[in-house]
Amino acid sequence: MNSRSSSPVSTEKREQRARLRVYTARATLCFIFTIGWELGSGRFLDPFYFSSPSKVVLMLANEFGAAGFWNDLRVTSTELLLGFLGGASAGVLTGHALGRWQFLCAVLEPFLVALNSIPRIALAPLLVIWFGIDLASKVVLAASLVYFITFFNTLAGVRGVDAGLLSVARIQGANDRQLFLKVVLPSASSWIFTGLKLSLPFALIGVIVGEFMAASSGIGYRLNMYSTSYNTTGTMAMLAVMMFFMLLLNGVMDLSEARLMRWRPKPTFGLERSFL
């Protein structure tokens, strides 16, 4: 009786210890990398090509004090948010629709695969011609990357729904709306969230590529300005901003998944190796 009651507590403690070990290892790895980079700059690494962490930090401090940087961050964030939401919504909706209608899926799937094979760097100049150098071309480019990832993941999730669950729900009188909300959506939710998390960095990539091609503001524009002027420190600083920005967004996505998917049982296999 006591062992059963203490089991959840011991499991929670193991999870906390696992998280602490992972966070400690991450912090140690970052510390070793930063110290090695700083000590190696000027000795083994040419500062012109690699700069140094101390110079990057000073550059970031100067950027954070400039109003132009925050405007560029706002522009990129807006383009990223609109592109991600538009592409993800369209991908989930069409993935569910084609998962339901097999004939339509069989007709359209080869065309979607062919469209997804187009390199976005080749599509970017056309989008600039069609939509101009302002916000629209970057949003469409980001959405085109997000759409196909979420579409194919949603399609796989809908196709993988247990037919037995659908049959039981129909026998109990569930209509199409109830089938979608109570059976299909929960069953495919893991696939959908995986697609959303995978597509989030690609949304940022699409925005940055678009800003590289033609823009007058944005983090990609700022990155292009520094890289073309051979300012390695400025380039490293903008790359650091992009990485931390994506880590923040990924953390928000993890929290959203944990909140919306709290009904899902936690995996117990390999708990001692868990890093979440």
C-alpha atoms as a PDB file:
ATOM      1  CA  MET A   1       0.000   0.000   0.000  1.00  0.00           C
ATOM      2  CA  ASN A   2       2.786   2.411   0.953  1.00  0.00           C
ATOM      3  CA  SER A   3       4.845   1.514  -2.096  1.00  0.00           C
ATOM      4  CA  ARG A   4       1.867   2.211  -4.364  1.00  0.00           C
ATOM      5  CA  SER A   5       1.143   5.562  -2.761  1.00  0.00           C
ATOM      6  CA  SER A   6       4.784   6.642  -2.934  1.00  0.00           C
ATOM      7  CA  SER A   7       5.215   5.588  -6.558  1.00  0.00           C
ATOM      8  CA  PRO A   8       4.002   8.882  -8.113  1.00  0.00           C
ATOM      9  CA  VAL A   9       6.252  10.835  -5.733  1.00  0.00           C
ATOM     10  CA  SER A  10       9.302   8.766  -6.599  1.00  0.00           C
ATOM     11  CA  THR A  11       8.500   9.084 -10.288  1.00  0.00           C
ATOM     12  CA  GLU A  12       8.287  12.861  -9.971  1.00  0.00           C
ATOM     13  CA  LYS A  13      11.602  12.946  -8.135  1.00  0.00           C
ATOM     14  CA  ARG A  14      13.259  10.871 -10.857  1.00  0.00           C
ATOM     15  CA  GLU A  15      11.891  13.279 -13.476  1.00  0.00           C
ATOM     16  CA  GLN A  16      13.248  16.274 -11.547  1.00  0.00           C
ATOM     17  CA  ARG A  17      16.667  14.655 -11.187  1.00  0.00           C
ATOM     18  CA  ALA A  18      16.707  13.815 -14.892  1.00  0.00           C
ATOM     19  CA  ARG A  19      15.841  17.411 -15.807  1.00  0.00           C
ATOM     20  CA  LEU A  20      18.515  18.753 -13.455  1.00  0.00           C
ATOM     21  CA  ARG A  21      21.166  16.480 -15.005  1.00  0.00           C
ATOM     22  CA  VAL A  22      20.180  17.574 -18.511  1.00  0.00           C
ATOM     23  CA  TYR A  23      20.161  21.283 -17.644  1.00  0.00           C
ATOM     24  CA  THR A  24      23.522  20.943 -15.918  1.00  0.00           C
ATOM     25  CA  ALA A  25      24.993  19.155 -18.931  1.00  0.00           C
ATOM     26  CA  ARG A  26      23.624  21.812 -21.286  1.00  0.00           C
ATOM     27  CA  ALA A  27      25.033  24.654 -19.180  1.00  0.00           C
ATOM     28  CA  THR A  28      28.410  22.899 -18.956  1.00  0.00           C
ATOM     29  CA  LEU A  29      28.512  22.343 -22.718  1.00  0.00           C
ATOM     30  CA  CYS A  30      27.685  26.008 -23.412  1.00  0.00           C
ATOM     31  CA  PHE A  31      30.318  27.142 -20.891  1.00  0.00           C
ATOM     32  CA  ILE A  32      33.044  24.938 -22.410  1.00  0.00           C
ATOM     33  CA  PHE A  33      32.170  26.077 -25.938  1.00  0.00           C
ATOM     34  CA  THR A  34      32.144  29.779 -24.981  1.00  0.00           C
ATOM     35  CA  ILE A  35      35.399  29.620 -23.011  1.00  0.00           C
ATOM     36  CA  GLY A  36      37.094  27.629 -25.774  1.00  0.00           C
ATOM     37  CA  TRP A  37      35.934  30.129 -28.390  1.00  0.00           C
ATOM     38  CA  GLU A  38      37.065  33.119 -26.290  1.00  0.00           C
ATOM     39  CA  LEU A  39      40.491  31.659 -25.486  1.00  0.00           C
ATOM     40  CA  GLY A  40      41.002  30.417 -29.026  1.00  0.00           C
ATOM     41  CA  SER A  41      40.151  33.737 -30.661  1.00  0.00           C
ATOM     42  CA  GLY A  42      43.424  35.433 -31.588  1.00  0.00           C
ATOM     43  CA  ARG A  43      45.431  32.294 -30.833  1.00  0.00           C
ATOM     44  CA  PHE A  44      44.070  29.469 -32.937  1.00  0.00           C
ATOM     45  CA  LEU A  45      41.141  31.258 -34.598  1.00  0.00           C
ATOM     46  CA  ASP A  46      41.448  34.362 -36.726  1.00  0.00           C
ATOM     47  CA  PRO A  47      39.203  37.052 -35.126  1.00  0.00           C
ATOM     48  CA  PHE A  48      38.367  38.405 -38.579  1.00  0.00           C
ATOM     49  CA  TYR A  49      36.648  35.133 -39.473  1.00  0.00           C
ATOM     50  CA  PHE A  50      35.377  33.980 -36.051  1.00  0.00           C
ATOM     51  CA  SER A  51      35.243  37.089 -33.810  1.00  0.00           C
ATOM     52  CA  SER A  52      34.920  36.255 -30.075  1.00  0.00           C
ATOM     53  CA  PRO A  53      32.126  35.902 -27.490  1.00  0.00           C
ATOM     54  CA  SER A  54      33.161  39.090 -25.676  1.00  0.00           C
ATOM     55  CA  LYS A  55      32.946  41.115 -28.889  1.00  0.00           C
ATOM     56  CA  VAL A  56      29.602  39.524 -29.757  1.00  0.00           C
ATOM     57  CA  VAL A  57      28.228  40.440 -26.317  1.00  0.00           C
ATOM     58  CA  LEU A  58      29.371  44.053 -26.748  1.00  0.00           C
ATOM     59  CA  MET A  59      27.796  44.114 -30.197  1.00  0.00           C
ATOM     60  CA  LEU A  60      24.527  42.800 -28.800  1.00  0.00           C
ATOM     61  CA  ALA A  61      24.594  45.440 -26.075  1.00  0.00           C
ATOM     62  CA  ASN A  62      24.965  48.146 -28.726  1.00  0.00           C
ATOM     63  CA  GLU A  63      22.178  46.603 -30.806  1.00  0.00           C
ATOM     64  CA  PHE A  64      19.803  46.382 -27.848  1.00  0.00           C
ATOM     65  CA  GLY A  65      20.332  50.080 -27.224  1.00  0.00           C
ATOM     66  CA  ALA A  66      19.415  51.025 -30.797  1.00  0.00           C
ATOM     67  CA  ALA A  67      15.794  51.669 -31.745  1.00  0.00           C
ATOM     68  CA  GLY A  68      16.379  50.295 -35.234  1.00  0.00           C
ATOM     69  CA  PHE A  69      17.153  46.828 -33.897  1.00  0.00           C
ATOM     70  CA  TRP A  70      13.839  46.566 -32.052  1.00  0.00           C
ATOM     71  CA  ASN A  71      11.979  47.726 -35.145  1.00  0.00           C
ATOM     72  CA  ASP A  72      13.739  45.048 -37.209  1.00  0.00           C
ATOM     73  CA  LEU A  73      12.886  42.435 -34.576  1.00  0.00           C
ATOM     74  CA  ARG A  74       9.244  43.551 -34.624  1.00  0.00           C
ATOM     75  CA  VAL A  75       9.103  43.275 -38.428  1.00  0.00           C
ATOM     76  CA  THR A  76      10.619  39.782 -38.458  1.00  0.00           C
ATOM     77  CA  SER A  77       8.374  38.638 -35.592  1.00  0.00           C
ATOM     78  CA  THR A  78       5.263  39.858 -37.416  1.00  0.00           C
ATOM     79  CA  GLU A  79       6.245  38.133 -40.652  1.00  0.00           C
ATOM     80  CA  LEU A  80       7.087  34.944 -38.761  1.00  0.00           C
ATOM     81  CA  LEU A  81       3.828  34.901 -36.804  1.00  0.00           C
ATOM     82  CA  LEU A  82       1.617  35.556 -39.843  1.00  0.00           C
ATOM     83  CA  GLY A  83       3.470  33.055 -42.011  1.00  0.00           C
ATOM     84  CA  PHE A  84       3.432  30.353 -39.346  1.00  0.00           C
ATOM     85  CA  LEU A  85      -0.241  30.778 -38.445  1.00  0.00           C
ATOM     86  CA  GLY A  86      -1.345  30.948 -42.077  1.00  0.00           C
ATOM     87  CA  GLY A  87       0.715  27.970 -43.234  1.00  0.00           C
ATOM     88  CA  ALA A  88      -0.083  25.851 -40.182  1.00  0.00           C
ATOM     89  CA  SER A  89      -3.837  26.520 -40.349  1.00  0.00           C
ATOM     90  CA  ALA A  90      -3.988  25.705 -44.053  1.00  0.00           C
ATOM     91  CA  GLY A  91      -1.826  22.599 -43.597  1.00  0.00           C
ATOM     92  CA  VAL A  92      -3.917  21.181 -40.751  1.00  0.00           C
ATOM     93  CA  LEU A  93      -7.228  21.866 -42.492  1.00  0.00           C
ATOM     94  CA  THR A  94      -6.234  20.440 -45.878  1.00  0.00           C
ATOM     95  CA  GLY A  95      -4.444  17.511 -44.248  1.00  0.00           C
ATOM     96  CA  HIS A  96      -7.632  16.588 -42.411  1.00  0.00           C
ATOM     97  CA  ALA A  97      -9.794  17.114 -45.504  1.00  0.00           C
ATOM     98  CA  LEU A  98      -7.643  14.952 -47.779  1.00  0.00           C
ATOM     99  CA  GLY A  99      -7.333  12.364 -45.014  1.00  0.00           C
ATOM    100  CA  ARG A 100     -11.129  12.015 -45.071  1.00  0.00           C
ATOM    101  CA  TRP A 101     -11.615  12.025 -48.854  1.00  0.00           C
ATOM    102  CA  GLN A 102      -9.318   9.362 -50.220  1.00  0.00           C
ATOM    103  CA  PHE A 103     -10.192   9.973 -53.884  1.00  0.00           C
ATOM    104  CA  LEU A 104      -9.330  13.660 -53.656  1.00  0.00           C
ATOM    105  CA  CYS A 105      -6.139  12.810 -51.803  1.00  0.00           C
ATOM    106  CA  ALA A 106      -5.099  10.319 -54.500  1.00  0.00           C
ATOM    107  CA  VAL A 107      -5.669  12.963 -57.174  1.00  0.00           C
ATOM    108  CA  LEU A 108      -3.887  15.875 -55.468  1.00  0.00           C
ATOM    109  CA  GLU A 109      -1.074  14.221 -53.526  1.00  0.00           C
ATOM    110  CA  PRO A 110       1.391  13.927 -56.474  1.00  0.00           C
ATOM    111  CA  PHE A 111       0.914  17.610 -57.281  1.00  0.00           C
ATOM    112  CA  LEU A 112       1.509  18.596 -53.660  1.00  0.00           C
ATOM    113  CA  VAL A 113       4.661  16.472 -53.546  1.00  0.00           C
ATOM    114  CA  ALA A 114       5.877  18.148 -56.745  1.00  0.00           C
ATOM    115  CA  LEU A 115       5.179  21.626 -55.366  1.00  0.00           C
ATOM    116  CA  ASN A 116       6.989  20.790 -52.144  1.00  0.00           C
ATOM    117  CA  SER A 117      10.087  19.821 -54.143  1.00  0.00           C
ATOM    118  CA  ILE A 118      10.554  23.388 -55.432  1.00  0.00           C
ATOM    119  CA  PRO A 119      13.515  25.015 -53.633  1.00  0.00           C
ATOM    120  CA  ARG A 120      12.204  28.080 -51.807  1.00  0.00           C
ATOM    121  CA  ILE A 121      15.344  30.017 -52.633  1.00  0.00           C
ATOM    122  CA  ALA A 122      14.326  29.665 -56.299  1.00  0.00           C
ATOM    123  CA  LEU A 123      10.754  30.681 -55.499  1.00  0.00           C
ATOM    124  CA  ALA A 124      11.739  33.763 -53.487  1.00  0.00           C
ATOM    125  CA  PRO A 125      12.472  36.068 -56.478  1.00  0.00           C
ATOM    126  CA  LEU A 126       9.083  35.246 -57.987  1.00  0.00           C
ATOM    127  CA  LEU A 127       7.343  36.022 -54.713  1.00  0.00           C
ATOM    128  CA  VAL A 128       9.100  39.378 -54.592  1.00  0.00           C
ATOM    129  CA  ILE A 129       7.854  40.107 -58.132  1.00  0.00           C
ATOM    130  CA  TRP A 130       4.307  39.009 -57.273  1.00  0.00           C
ATOM    131  CA  PHE A 131       3.951  40.511 -53.795  1.00  0.00           C
ATOM    132  CA  GLY A 132       6.637  43.208 -53.603  1.00  0.00           C
ATOM    133  CA  ILE A 133       9.468  43.675 -51.113  1.00  0.00           C
ATOM    134  CA  ASP A 134       7.235  44.402 -48.138  1.00  0.00           C
ATOM    135  CA  LEU A 135       5.633  42.053 -45.616  1.00  0.00           C
ATOM    136  CA  ALA A 136       3.501  39.928 -47.982  1.00  0.00           C
ATOM    137  CA  SER A 137       6.329  38.195 -49.863  1.00  0.00           C
ATOM    138  CA  LYS A 138       8.026  37.076 -46.612  1.00  0.00           C
ATOM    139  CA  VAL A 139       4.763  35.860 -45.114  1.00  0.00           C
ATOM    140  CA  VAL A 140       3.948  33.788 -48.205  1.00  0.00           C
ATOM    141  CA  LEU A 141       7.463  32.322 -48.337  1.00  0.00           C
ATOM    142  CA  ALA A 142       7.322  31.320 -44.659  1.00  0.00           C
ATOM    143  CA  ALA A 143       3.795  29.936 -45.040  1.00  0.00           C
ATOM    144  CA  SER A 144       4.858  27.820 -48.031  1.00  0.00           C
ATOM    145  CA  LEU A 145       7.484  26.095 -45.877  1.00  0.00           C
ATOM    146  CA  VAL A 146       5.193  25.633 -42.892  1.00  0.00           C
ATOM    147  CA  TYR A 147       2.234  24.425 -44.952  1.00  0.00           C
ATOM    148  CA  PHE A 148       3.759  21.283 -46.416  1.00  0.00           C
ATOM    149  CA  ILE A 149       5.294  20.108 -43.138  1.00  0.00           C
ATOM    150  CA  THR A 150       2.041  20.471 -41.222  1.00  0.00           C
ATOM    151  CA  PHE A 151       0.012  19.104 -44.130  1.00  0.00           C
ATOM    152  CA  PHE A 152       1.924  15.844 -44.495  1.00  0.00           C
ATOM    153  CA  ASN A 153       2.099  15.319 -40.724  1.00  0.00           C
ATOM    154  CA  THR A 154      -1.631  15.943 -40.322  1.00  0.00           C
ATOM    155  CA  LEU A 155      -2.402  13.664 -43.261  1.00  0.00           C
ATOM    156  CA  ALA A 156      -0.306  10.882 -41.713  1.00  0.00           C
ATOM    157  CA  GLY A 157      -2.030  11.396 -38.360  1.00  0.00           C
ATOM    158  CA  VAL A 158      -5.541  11.259 -39.852  1.00  0.00           C
ATOM    159  CA  ARG A 159      -4.675   8.175 -41.883  1.00  0.00           C
ATOM    160  CA  GLY A 160      -3.321   6.500 -38.762  1.00  0.00           C
ATOM    161  CA  VAL A 161      -6.539   6.830 -36.744  1.00  0.00           C
ATOM    162  CA  ASP A 162      -7.645   3.444 -35.445  1.00  0.00           C
ATOM    163  CA  ALA A 163     -10.551   2.248 -37.599  1.00  0.00           C
ATOM    164  CA  GLY A 164     -11.935   0.342 -34.622  1.00  0.00           C
ATOM    165  CA  LEU A 165     -12.342   3.568 -32.635  1.00  0.00           C
ATOM    166  CA  LEU A 166     -14.222   5.151 -35.547  1.00  0.00           C
ATOM    167  CA  SER A 167     -16.511   2.134 -35.820  1.00  0.00           C
ATOM    168  CA  VAL A 168     -17.297   2.146 -32.102  1.00  0.00           C
ATOM    169  CA  ALA A 169     -18.033   5.892 -32.202  1.00  0.00           C
ATOM    170  CA  ARG A 170     -20.366   5.459 -35.180  1.00  0.00           C
ATOM    171  CA  ILE A 171     -22.189   2.605 -33.467  1.00  0.00           C
ATOM    172  CA  GLN A 172     -22.770   4.889 -30.503  1.00  0.00           C
ATOM    173  CA  GLY A 173     -24.351   7.469 -32.810  1.00  0.00           C
ATOM    174  CA  ALA A 174     -21.531   9.978 -33.270  1.00  0.00           C
ATOM    175  CA  ASN A 175     -21.935  12.365 -36.192  1.00  0.00           C
ATOM    176  CA  ASP A 176     -19.109  13.662 -38.391  1.00  0.00           C
ATOM    177  CA  ARG A 177     -18.433  16.647 -36.148  1.00  0.00           C
ATOM    178  CA  GLN A 178     -18.235  14.458 -33.049  1.00  0.00           C
ATOM    179  CA  LEU A 179     -16.022  11.956 -34.847  1.00  0.00           C
ATOM    180  CA  PHE A 180     -13.598  14.739 -35.732  1.00  0.00           C
ATOM    181  CA  LEU A 181     -13.533  16.357 -32.278  1.00  0.00           C
ATOM    182  CA  LYS A 182     -13.640  13.188 -30.139  1.00  0.00           C
ATOM    183  CA  VAL A 183     -11.724  10.638 -32.197  1.00  0.00           C
ATOM    184  CA  VAL A 184      -9.802  11.976 -35.190  1.00  0.00           C
ATOM    185  CA  LEU A 185      -8.369  15.163 -33.672  1.00  0.00           C
ATOM    186  CA  PRO A 186      -7.138  13.547 -30.405  1.00  0.00           C
ATOM    187  CA  SER A 187      -5.651  10.609 -32.320  1.00  0.00           C
ATOM    188  CA  ALA A 188      -3.843  12.841 -34.805  1.00  0.00           C
ATOM    189  CA  SER A 189      -2.848  15.521 -32.270  1.00  0.00           C
ATOM    190  CA  SER A 190       0.630  14.077 -31.661  1.00  0.00           C
ATOM    191  CA  TRP A 191       1.338  14.149 -35.392  1.00  0.00           C
ATOM    192  CA  ILE A 192      -0.042  17.674 -35.681  1.00  0.00           C
ATOM    193  CA  PHE A 193       2.067  19.021 -32.821  1.00  0.00           C
ATOM    194  CA  THR A 194       5.144  17.330 -34.242  1.00  0.00           C
ATOM    195  CA  GLY A 195       4.486  19.056 -37.560  1.00  0.00           C
ATOM    196  CA  LEU A 196       3.997  22.410 -35.856  1.00  0.00           C
ATOM    197  CA  LYS A 197       7.239  22.103 -33.896  1.00  0.00           C
ATOM    198  CA  LEU A 198       9.182  20.980 -36.965  1.00  0.00           C
ATOM    199  CA  SER A 199       7.802  23.781 -39.118  1.00  0.00           C
ATOM    200  CA  LEU A 200       8.474  26.612 -36.665  1.00  0.00           C
ATOM    201  CA  PRO A 201      12.217  26.938 -37.490  1.00  0.00           C
ATOM    202  CA  PHE A 202      11.386  26.711 -41.189  1.00  0.00           C
ATOM    203  CA  ALA A 203       9.034  29.674 -40.809  1.00  0.00           C
ATOM    204  CA  LEU A 204      11.957  31.724 -39.514  1.00  0.00           C
ATOM    205  CA  ILE A 205      14.182  30.418 -42.327  1.00  0.00           C
ATOM    206  CA  GLY A 206      11.593  31.489 -44.895  1.00  0.00           C
ATOM    207  CA  VAL A 207      11.348  34.981 -43.406  1.00  0.00           C
ATOM    208  CA  ILE A 208      15.138  35.402 -43.239  1.00  0.00           C
ATOM    209  CA  VAL A 209      15.584  34.201 -46.835  1.00  0.00           C
ATOM    210  CA  GLY A 210      12.915  36.639 -47.974  1.00  0.00           C
ATOM    211  CA  GLU A 211      14.596  39.495 -46.114  1.00  0.00           C
ATOM    212  CA  PHE A 212      17.910  38.488 -47.641  1.00  0.00           C
ATOM    213  CA  MET A 213      16.443  38.700 -51.134  1.00  0.00           C
ATOM    214  CA  ALA A 214      14.735  42.089 -50.845  1.00  0.00           C
ATOM    215  CA  ALA A 215      13.897  44.057 -47.713  1.00  0.00           C
ATOM    216  CA  SER A 216      14.442  47.386 -46.052  1.00  0.00           C
ATOM    217  CA  SER A 217      14.017  46.125 -42.481  1.00  0.00           C
ATOM    218  CA  GLY A 218      14.061  42.935 -40.432  1.00  0.00           C
ATOM    219  CA  ILE A 219      16.650  40.727 -38.760  1.00  0.00           C
ATOM    220  CA  GLY A 220      17.464  39.102 -42.106  1.00  0.00           C
ATOM    221  CA  TYR A 221      18.077  42.520 -43.614  1.00  0.00           C
ATOM    222  CA  ARG A 222      20.358  43.365 -40.699  1.00  0.00           C
ATOM    223  CA  LEU A 223      22.162  40.029 -41.008  1.00  0.00           C
ATOM    224  CA  ASN A 224      22.656  40.570 -44.744  1.00  0.00           C
ATOM    225  CA  MET A 225      24.007  44.077 -44.101  1.00  0.00           C
ATOM    226  CA  TYR A 226      26.624  42.776 -41.656  1.00  0.00           C
ATOM    227  CA  SER A 227      27.624  39.716 -43.682  1.00  0.00           C
ATOM    228  CA  THR A 228      28.068  41.625 -46.961  1.00  0.00           C
ATOM    229  CA  SER A 229      30.233  44.212 -45.193  1.00  0.00           C
ATOM    230  CA  TYR A 230      32.412  41.417 -43.697  1.00  0.00           C
ATOM    231  CA  ASN A 231      31.408  42.371 -40.149  1.00  0.00           C
ATOM    232  CA  THR A 232      31.849  38.974 -38.516  1.00  0.00           C
ATOM    233  CA  THR A 233      30.943  40.221 -35.050  1.00  0.00           C
ATOM    234  CA  GLY A 234      27.670  41.732 -36.254  1.00  0.00           C
ATOM    235  CA  THR A 235      26.870  38.577 -38.211  1.00  0.00           C
ATOM    236  CA  MET A 236      27.500  36.370 -35.167  1.00  0.00           C
ATOM    237  CA  ALA A 237      25.366  38.686 -33.048  1.00  0.00           C
ATOM    238  CA  MET A 238      22.402  38.423 -35.426  1.00  0.00           C
ATOM    239  CA  LEU A 239      22.791  34.631 -35.590  1.00  0.00           C
ATOM    240  CA  ALA A 240      22.731  34.542 -31.785  1.00  0.00           C
ATOM    241  CA  VAL A 241      19.541  36.637 -31.762  1.00  0.00           C
ATOM    242  CA  MET A 242      17.907  34.233 -34.220  1.00  0.00           C
ATOM    243  CA  MET A 243      18.888  31.181 -32.172  1.00  0.00           C
ATOM    244  CA  PHE A 244      17.657  32.597 -28.863  1.00  0.00           C
ATOM    245  CA  PHE A 245      14.475  33.811 -30.517  1.00  0.00           C
ATOM    246  CA  MET A 246      13.793  30.328 -31.872  1.00  0.00           C
ATOM    247  CA  LEU A 247      14.575  28.718 -28.510  1.00  0.00           C
ATOM    248  CA  LEU A 248      12.026  31.032 -26.900  1.00  0.00           C
ATOM    249  CA  LEU A 249       9.367  30.180 -29.480  1.00  0.00           C
ATOM    250  CA  ASN A 250      10.104  26.478 -29.154  1.00  0.00           C
ATOM    251  CA  GLY A 251       9.680  26.762 -25.393  1.00  0.00           C
ATOM    252  CA  VAL A 252       6.299  28.402 -25.888  1.00  0.00           C
ATOM    253  CA  MET A 253       5.338  25.575 -28.233  1.00  0.00           C
ATOM    254  CA  ASP A 254       6.409  22.971 -25.659  1.00  0.00           C
ATOM    255  CA  LEU A 255       4.323  24.670 -22.961  1.00  0.00           C
ATOM    256  CA  SER A 256       1.315  24.820 -25.287  1.00  0.00           C
ATOM    257  CA  GLU A 257       1.674  21.133 -26.117  1.00  0.00           C
ATOM    258  CA  ALA A 258       1.982  20.205 -22.439  1.00  0.00           C
ATOM    259  CA  ARG A 259      -1.144  22.225 -21.601  1.00  0.00           C
ATOM    260  CA  LEU A 260      -3.297  21.042 -24.496  1.00  0.00           C
ATOM    261  CA  MET A 261      -2.081  17.430 -24.355  1.00  0.00           C
ATOM    262  CA  ARG A 262      -2.211  16.943 -20.588  1.00  0.00           C
ATOM    263  CA  TRP A 263      -4.812  14.210 -21.105  1.00  0.00           C
ATOM    264  CA  ARG A 264      -2.136  12.095 -22.778  1.00  0.00           C
ATOM    265  CA  PRO A 265      -0.468   9.603 -20.409  1.00  0.00           C
ATOM    266  CA  LYS A 266       3.208  10.226 -19.726  1.00  0.00           C
ATOM    267  CA  PRO A 267       5.620   7.643 -21.156  1.00  0.00           C
ATOM    268  CA  THR A 268       7.216   5.464 -18.523  1.00  0.00           C
ATOM    269  CA  PHE A 269       9.679   3.529 -20.693  1.00  0.00           C
ATOM    270  CA  GLY A 270      13.183   4.958 -20.390  1.00  0.00           C
ATOM    271  CA  LEU A 271      12.116   7.477 -17.775  1.00  0.00           C
ATOM    272  CA  GLU A 272      15.598   7.684 -16.338  1.00  0.00           C
ATOM    273  CA  ARG A 273      16.815   8.864 -19.766  1.00  0.00           C
ATOM    274  CA  SER A 274      14.087  11.445 -20.186  1.00  0.00           C
ATOM    275  CA  PHE A 275      15.301  14.926 -21.101  1.00  0.00           C
ATOM    276  CA  LEU A 276      11.976  16.765 -21.158  1.00  0.00           C
END
